[in-house]
Amino acid sequence: GVRAATWAGGNGLGFKMTAMNFSEAESKALYNGAKALGVSPFACFTFAAHKACKEVLGQPFHTMVQQASLQTRHFPLADQGKRRDFVGDWLVGPVAYCEPDYTLASAQAGYV
């Protein structure tokens, strides 16, 4: 959180987030590459993030929150016309524990 931010008087530690927007071709290439390795695209991302922190920052992380959307349905209302439906979106965030020698196989085994 916010309390750890340096502007709030904290030590600067806190959540790190990245947003990526892949083209359809890039998404297919990632999926096919992960499938060829026998792992999920998510495992590729978690392994790459852990490896980058270890190599670039010199310190691997120990846990990772795996956020998943359980959005499965929409809810039209009677007489709504062409207005947008309400959408049920529930997010869950199980924690994955990452050992220091985290491998792609470890990432796949921890994939929830």
N, C-alpha and C. Protein backbone atom coordinates (compact mmCIF):
# COMPACT_ATOMS: atom_id res chain seq x y z
N GLY A 1 0.52 -1.13 0.00
CA GLY A 1 0.00 0.00 0.00
C GLY A 1 0.61 1.33 0.00
N VAL A 2 -0.28 2.24 0.17
CA VAL A 2 0.05 3.66 0.13
C VAL A 2 0.97 4.05 1.27
N ARG A 3 0.80 3.46 2.45
CA ARG A 3 1.62 3.87 3.60
C ARG A 3 3.09 3.59 3.38
N ALA A 4 3.44 2.63 2.50
CA ALA A 4 4.84 2.32 2.26
C ALA A 4 5.48 3.24 1.23
N ALA A 5 4.68 4.02 0.52
CA ALA A 5 5.22 4.93 -0.50
C ALA A 5 6.12 5.98 0.14
N THR A 6 7.21 6.31 -0.54
CA THR A 6 8.15 7.29 0.01
C THR A 6 7.49 8.65 0.21
N TRP A 7 6.54 9.03 -0.69
CA TRP A 7 5.88 10.32 -0.52
C TRP A 7 5.01 10.34 0.72
N ALA A 8 4.67 9.15 1.26
CA ALA A 8 3.86 9.06 2.47
C ALA A 8 4.71 8.77 3.69
N GLY A 9 6.05 8.90 3.53
CA GLY A 9 6.95 8.69 4.66
C GLY A 9 7.39 7.25 4.86
N GLY A 10 7.04 6.38 3.91
CA GLY A 10 7.40 4.96 4.03
C GLY A 10 8.76 4.66 3.45
N ASN A 11 9.09 3.38 3.43
CA ASN A 11 10.40 2.94 2.95
C ASN A 11 10.43 2.66 1.45
N GLY A 12 9.34 2.84 0.76
CA GLY A 12 9.31 2.64 -0.69
C GLY A 12 8.91 1.25 -1.12
N LEU A 13 8.81 0.34 -0.15
CA LEU A 13 8.38 -1.01 -0.49
C LEU A 13 6.89 -1.02 -0.75
N GLY A 14 6.46 -1.80 -1.66
CA GLY A 14 5.04 -1.88 -1.94
C GLY A 14 4.78 -2.73 -3.16
N PHE A 15 3.54 -2.78 -3.53
CA PHE A 15 3.14 -3.59 -4.68
C PHE A 15 3.74 -3.03 -5.96
N LYS A 16 4.13 -3.91 -6.83
CA LYS A 16 4.60 -3.54 -8.16
C LYS A 16 3.62 -4.15 -9.16
N MET A 17 3.18 -3.37 -10.12
CA MET A 17 2.22 -3.87 -11.09
C MET A 17 2.66 -3.49 -12.49
N THR A 18 2.27 -4.30 -13.44
CA THR A 18 2.55 -4.03 -14.84
C THR A 18 1.31 -4.36 -15.66
N ALA A 19 1.01 -3.53 -16.60
CA ALA A 19 -0.08 -3.82 -17.53
C ALA A 19 0.52 -3.99 -18.92
N MET A 20 0.11 -5.05 -19.59
CA MET A 20 0.59 -5.31 -20.94
C MET A 20 -0.61 -5.48 -21.86
N ASN A 21 -0.49 -4.96 -23.05
CA ASN A 21 -1.56 -5.06 -24.02
C ASN A 21 -0.99 -5.71 -25.28
N PHE A 22 -1.23 -7.00 -25.43
CA PHE A 22 -0.70 -7.74 -26.57
C PHE A 22 -1.65 -7.67 -27.76
N SER A 23 -1.06 -7.70 -28.94
CA SER A 23 -1.88 -7.82 -30.15
C SER A 23 -2.39 -9.27 -30.21
N GLU A 24 -3.32 -9.51 -31.11
CA GLU A 24 -3.83 -10.88 -31.25
C GLU A 24 -2.71 -11.83 -31.66
N ALA A 25 -1.83 -11.38 -32.55
CA ALA A 25 -0.71 -12.22 -33.01
C ALA A 25 0.26 -12.51 -31.85
N GLU A 26 0.56 -11.49 -31.05
CA GLU A 26 1.45 -11.69 -29.90
C GLU A 26 0.84 -12.65 -28.88
N SER A 27 -0.46 -12.51 -28.65
CA SER A 27 -1.15 -13.41 -27.72
C SER A 27 -1.09 -14.85 -28.19
N LYS A 28 -1.32 -15.06 -29.49
CA LYS A 28 -1.26 -16.41 -30.04
C LYS A 28 0.16 -16.98 -29.93
N ALA A 29 1.16 -16.15 -30.21
CA ALA A 29 2.55 -16.61 -30.12
C ALA A 29 2.90 -16.99 -28.68
N LEU A 30 2.46 -16.21 -27.72
CA LEU A 30 2.72 -16.53 -26.31
C LEU A 30 2.02 -17.83 -25.94
N TYR A 31 0.76 -17.95 -26.29
CA TYR A 31 0.01 -19.17 -25.99
C TYR A 31 0.67 -20.40 -26.61
N ASN A 32 1.02 -20.31 -27.88
CA ASN A 32 1.62 -21.45 -28.56
C ASN A 32 3.00 -21.79 -28.01
N GLY A 33 3.78 -20.77 -27.66
CA GLY A 33 5.09 -21.02 -27.06
C GLY A 33 4.98 -21.68 -25.70
N ALA A 34 4.04 -21.21 -24.88
CA ALA A 34 3.83 -21.81 -23.56
C ALA A 34 3.35 -23.25 -23.72
N LYS A 35 2.42 -23.46 -24.64
CA LYS A 35 1.89 -24.80 -24.88
C LYS A 35 3.01 -25.76 -25.31
N ALA A 36 3.91 -25.29 -26.16
CA ALA A 36 5.04 -26.12 -26.60
C ALA A 36 5.95 -26.51 -25.44
N LEU A 37 6.01 -25.64 -24.42
CA LEU A 37 6.83 -25.93 -23.23
C LEU A 37 6.05 -26.73 -22.18
N GLY A 38 4.76 -26.93 -22.42
CA GLY A 38 3.93 -27.68 -21.49
C GLY A 38 3.52 -26.89 -20.26
N VAL A 39 3.46 -25.56 -20.39
CA VAL A 39 3.08 -24.70 -19.27
C VAL A 39 2.02 -23.71 -19.71
N SER A 40 1.44 -23.01 -18.75
CA SER A 40 0.44 -21.98 -19.05
C SER A 40 1.14 -20.65 -19.33
N PRO A 41 0.49 -19.75 -20.09
CA PRO A 41 1.06 -18.41 -20.25
C PRO A 41 1.29 -17.72 -18.91
N PHE A 42 0.38 -17.94 -17.95
CA PHE A 42 0.55 -17.33 -16.63
C PHE A 42 1.86 -17.79 -15.98
N ALA A 43 2.18 -19.07 -16.11
CA ALA A 43 3.44 -19.59 -15.55
C ALA A 43 4.63 -18.90 -16.20
N CYS A 44 4.54 -18.64 -17.49
CA CYS A 44 5.63 -17.92 -18.19
C CYS A 44 5.81 -16.53 -17.59
N PHE A 45 4.70 -15.83 -17.34
CA PHE A 45 4.78 -14.49 -16.77
C PHE A 45 5.37 -14.51 -15.36
N THR A 46 4.91 -15.43 -14.52
CA THR A 46 5.41 -15.45 -13.14
C THR A 46 6.88 -15.82 -13.09
N PHE A 47 7.28 -16.77 -13.92
CA PHE A 47 8.69 -17.15 -13.98
C PHE A 47 9.54 -15.97 -14.47
N ALA A 48 9.09 -15.30 -15.52
CA ALA A 48 9.84 -14.16 -16.07
C ALA A 48 9.96 -13.02 -15.05
N ALA A 49 8.88 -12.75 -14.31
CA ALA A 49 8.92 -11.69 -13.30
C ALA A 49 9.89 -12.03 -12.18
N HIS A 50 9.86 -13.26 -11.72
CA HIS A 50 10.77 -13.69 -10.65
C HIS A 50 12.23 -13.62 -11.12
N LYS A 51 12.47 -14.11 -12.32
CA LYS A 51 13.84 -14.09 -12.88
C LYS A 51 14.34 -12.65 -13.04
N ALA A 52 13.47 -11.76 -13.52
CA ALA A 52 13.86 -10.36 -13.70
C ALA A 52 14.19 -9.71 -12.36
N CYS A 53 13.36 -9.92 -11.35
CA CYS A 53 13.64 -9.33 -10.04
C CYS A 53 14.96 -9.84 -9.48
N LYS A 54 15.20 -11.12 -9.65
CA LYS A 54 16.44 -11.72 -9.14
C LYS A 54 17.66 -11.17 -9.87
N GLU A 55 17.57 -11.06 -11.21
CA GLU A 55 18.71 -10.61 -12.00
C GLU A 55 18.89 -9.09 -12.00
N VAL A 56 17.80 -8.34 -12.09
CA VAL A 56 17.90 -6.89 -12.20
C VAL A 56 18.02 -6.22 -10.83
N LEU A 57 17.19 -6.66 -9.89
CA LEU A 57 17.19 -6.04 -8.57
C LEU A 57 18.10 -6.76 -7.58
N GLY A 58 18.54 -7.98 -7.96
CA GLY A 58 19.40 -8.75 -7.07
C GLY A 58 18.66 -9.36 -5.90
N GLN A 59 17.35 -9.41 -6.00
CA GLN A 59 16.54 -9.93 -4.89
C GLN A 59 15.24 -10.49 -5.44
N PRO A 60 15.05 -11.82 -5.34
CA PRO A 60 13.79 -12.38 -5.82
C PRO A 60 12.66 -12.09 -4.84
N PHE A 61 11.45 -12.11 -5.33
CA PHE A 61 10.32 -11.96 -4.42
C PHE A 61 9.96 -13.33 -3.85
N HIS A 62 9.22 -13.33 -2.75
CA HIS A 62 8.89 -14.57 -2.06
C HIS A 62 7.45 -15.01 -2.27
N THR A 63 6.58 -14.06 -2.57
CA THR A 63 5.18 -14.39 -2.82
C THR A 63 4.66 -13.57 -3.99
N MET A 64 3.60 -14.08 -4.61
CA MET A 64 2.97 -13.37 -5.72
C MET A 64 1.47 -13.58 -5.61
N VAL A 65 0.72 -12.52 -5.77
CA VAL A 65 -0.74 -12.64 -5.79
C VAL A 65 -1.17 -12.95 -7.21
N GLN A 66 -1.90 -14.02 -7.37
CA GLN A 66 -2.42 -14.41 -8.67
C GLN A 66 -3.86 -13.93 -8.75
N GLN A 67 -4.10 -12.88 -9.49
CA GLN A 67 -5.46 -12.35 -9.58
C GLN A 67 -6.20 -13.02 -10.72
N ALA A 68 -7.40 -13.45 -10.46
CA ALA A 68 -8.23 -14.08 -11.47
C ALA A 68 -9.62 -13.49 -11.44
N SER A 69 -10.14 -13.22 -12.60
CA SER A 69 -11.50 -12.72 -12.72
C SER A 69 -12.43 -13.90 -12.93
N LEU A 70 -13.51 -13.92 -12.20
CA LEU A 70 -14.50 -14.97 -12.34
C LEU A 70 -15.74 -14.46 -13.08
N GLN A 71 -15.52 -13.51 -13.97
CA GLN A 71 -16.63 -12.94 -14.72
C GLN A 71 -17.16 -14.00 -15.68
N THR A 72 -18.37 -14.42 -15.47
CA THR A 72 -18.92 -15.50 -16.28
C THR A 72 -20.27 -15.18 -16.89
N ARG A 73 -20.91 -14.11 -16.49
CA ARG A 73 -22.26 -13.87 -16.99
C ARG A 73 -22.60 -12.38 -16.94
N HIS A 74 -23.57 -12.03 -17.70
CA HIS A 74 -24.09 -10.67 -17.66
C HIS A 74 -25.55 -10.72 -17.26
N PHE A 75 -26.08 -9.61 -16.79
CA PHE A 75 -27.41 -9.58 -16.23
C PHE A 75 -28.25 -8.50 -16.91
N PRO A 76 -29.00 -8.85 -17.97
CA PRO A 76 -29.87 -7.84 -18.60
C PRO A 76 -31.05 -7.52 -17.69
N LEU A 77 -31.50 -6.30 -17.76
CA LEU A 77 -32.67 -5.87 -16.99
C LEU A 77 -33.87 -5.74 -17.91
N ALA A 78 -35.03 -6.00 -17.38
CA ALA A 78 -36.25 -5.84 -18.16
C ALA A 78 -36.39 -4.39 -18.60
N ASP A 79 -36.80 -4.19 -19.82
CA ASP A 79 -37.05 -2.85 -20.38
C ASP A 79 -35.81 -1.96 -20.41
N GLN A 80 -34.62 -2.53 -20.49
CA GLN A 80 -33.41 -1.69 -20.51
C GLN A 80 -33.11 -1.13 -21.89
N GLY A 81 -33.78 -1.66 -22.91
CA GLY A 81 -33.50 -1.18 -24.26
C GLY A 81 -32.10 -1.59 -24.68
N LYS A 82 -31.37 -0.64 -25.27
CA LYS A 82 -30.02 -0.95 -25.76
C LYS A 82 -28.93 -0.56 -24.77
N ARG A 83 -29.31 -0.24 -23.54
CA ARG A 83 -28.30 0.10 -22.53
C ARG A 83 -27.49 -1.13 -22.18
N ARG A 84 -26.33 -0.91 -21.68
CA ARG A 84 -25.41 -2.00 -21.34
C ARG A 84 -25.95 -2.84 -20.18
N ASP A 85 -25.71 -4.14 -20.26
CA ASP A 85 -26.10 -5.05 -19.17
C ASP A 85 -25.20 -4.84 -17.96
N PHE A 86 -25.70 -5.19 -16.80
CA PHE A 86 -24.86 -5.26 -15.62
C PHE A 86 -24.00 -6.51 -15.73
N VAL A 87 -22.79 -6.43 -15.27
CA VAL A 87 -21.88 -7.57 -15.35
C VAL A 87 -21.47 -7.97 -13.95
N GLY A 88 -21.52 -9.27 -13.67
CA GLY A 88 -21.05 -9.78 -12.39
C GLY A 88 -19.57 -10.10 -12.51
N ASP A 89 -18.72 -9.44 -11.77
CA ASP A 89 -17.28 -9.65 -11.85
C ASP A 89 -16.73 -9.82 -10.44
N TRP A 90 -16.26 -10.99 -10.12
CA TRP A 90 -15.72 -11.28 -8.82
C TRP A 90 -14.25 -11.59 -8.98
N LEU A 91 -13.40 -10.89 -8.26
CA LEU A 91 -11.96 -11.11 -8.34
C LEU A 91 -11.49 -11.89 -7.13
N VAL A 92 -10.60 -12.85 -7.37
CA VAL A 92 -9.98 -13.59 -6.28
C VAL A 92 -8.48 -13.46 -6.44
N GLY A 93 -7.76 -13.55 -5.34
CA GLY A 93 -6.31 -13.37 -5.39
C GLY A 93 -5.56 -14.36 -4.52
N PRO A 94 -5.46 -15.63 -4.95
CA PRO A 94 -4.67 -16.58 -4.17
C PRO A 94 -3.19 -16.21 -4.20
N VAL A 95 -2.49 -16.53 -3.14
CA VAL A 95 -1.06 -16.21 -3.03
C VAL A 95 -0.22 -17.41 -3.43
N ALA A 96 0.75 -17.18 -4.30
CA ALA A 96 1.71 -18.21 -4.69
C ALA A 96 3.01 -17.95 -3.94
N TYR A 97 3.59 -18.97 -3.38
CA TYR A 97 4.88 -18.85 -2.69
C TYR A 97 5.99 -19.26 -3.64
N CYS A 98 7.02 -18.43 -3.75
CA CYS A 98 8.08 -18.63 -4.73
C CYS A 98 9.41 -18.86 -4.01
N GLU A 99 9.95 -20.05 -4.14
CA GLU A 99 11.24 -20.35 -3.52
C GLU A 99 12.35 -19.62 -4.29
N PRO A 100 13.52 -19.42 -3.69
CA PRO A 100 14.59 -18.68 -4.35
C PRO A 100 15.03 -19.28 -5.69
N ASP A 101 14.98 -20.60 -5.83
CA ASP A 101 15.37 -21.22 -7.10
C ASP A 101 14.14 -21.54 -7.95
N TYR A 102 13.24 -20.60 -8.02
CA TYR A 102 11.98 -20.71 -8.77
C TYR A 102 12.26 -21.00 -10.23
N THR A 103 11.66 -22.04 -10.76
CA THR A 103 11.85 -22.44 -12.16
C THR A 103 10.53 -22.36 -12.90
N LEU A 104 10.59 -22.55 -14.21
CA LEU A 104 9.36 -22.56 -14.99
C LEU A 104 8.46 -23.71 -14.54
N ALA A 105 9.06 -24.84 -14.18
CA ALA A 105 8.28 -25.96 -13.66
C ALA A 105 7.63 -25.59 -12.32
N SER A 106 8.35 -24.86 -11.48
CA SER A 106 7.78 -24.39 -10.21
C SER A 106 6.60 -23.47 -10.45
N ALA A 107 6.77 -22.59 -11.43
CA ALA A 107 5.71 -21.63 -11.76
C ALA A 107 4.46 -22.38 -12.23
N GLN A 108 4.63 -23.41 -13.04
CA GLN A 108 3.48 -24.17 -13.52
C GLN A 108 2.85 -24.95 -12.37
N ALA A 109 3.66 -25.51 -11.50
CA ALA A 109 3.12 -26.27 -10.35
C ALA A 109 2.32 -25.38 -9.41
N GLY A 110 2.69 -24.10 -9.32
CA GLY A 110 1.99 -23.16 -8.46
C GLY A 110 0.82 -22.47 -9.13
N TYR A 111 0.62 -22.75 -10.40
CA TYR A 111 -0.47 -22.12 -11.14
C TYR A 111 -1.79 -22.63 -10.58
N VAL A 112 -2.64 -21.71 -10.17
CA VAL A 112 -3.92 -22.09 -9.55
C VAL A 112 -5.01 -22.04 -10.59
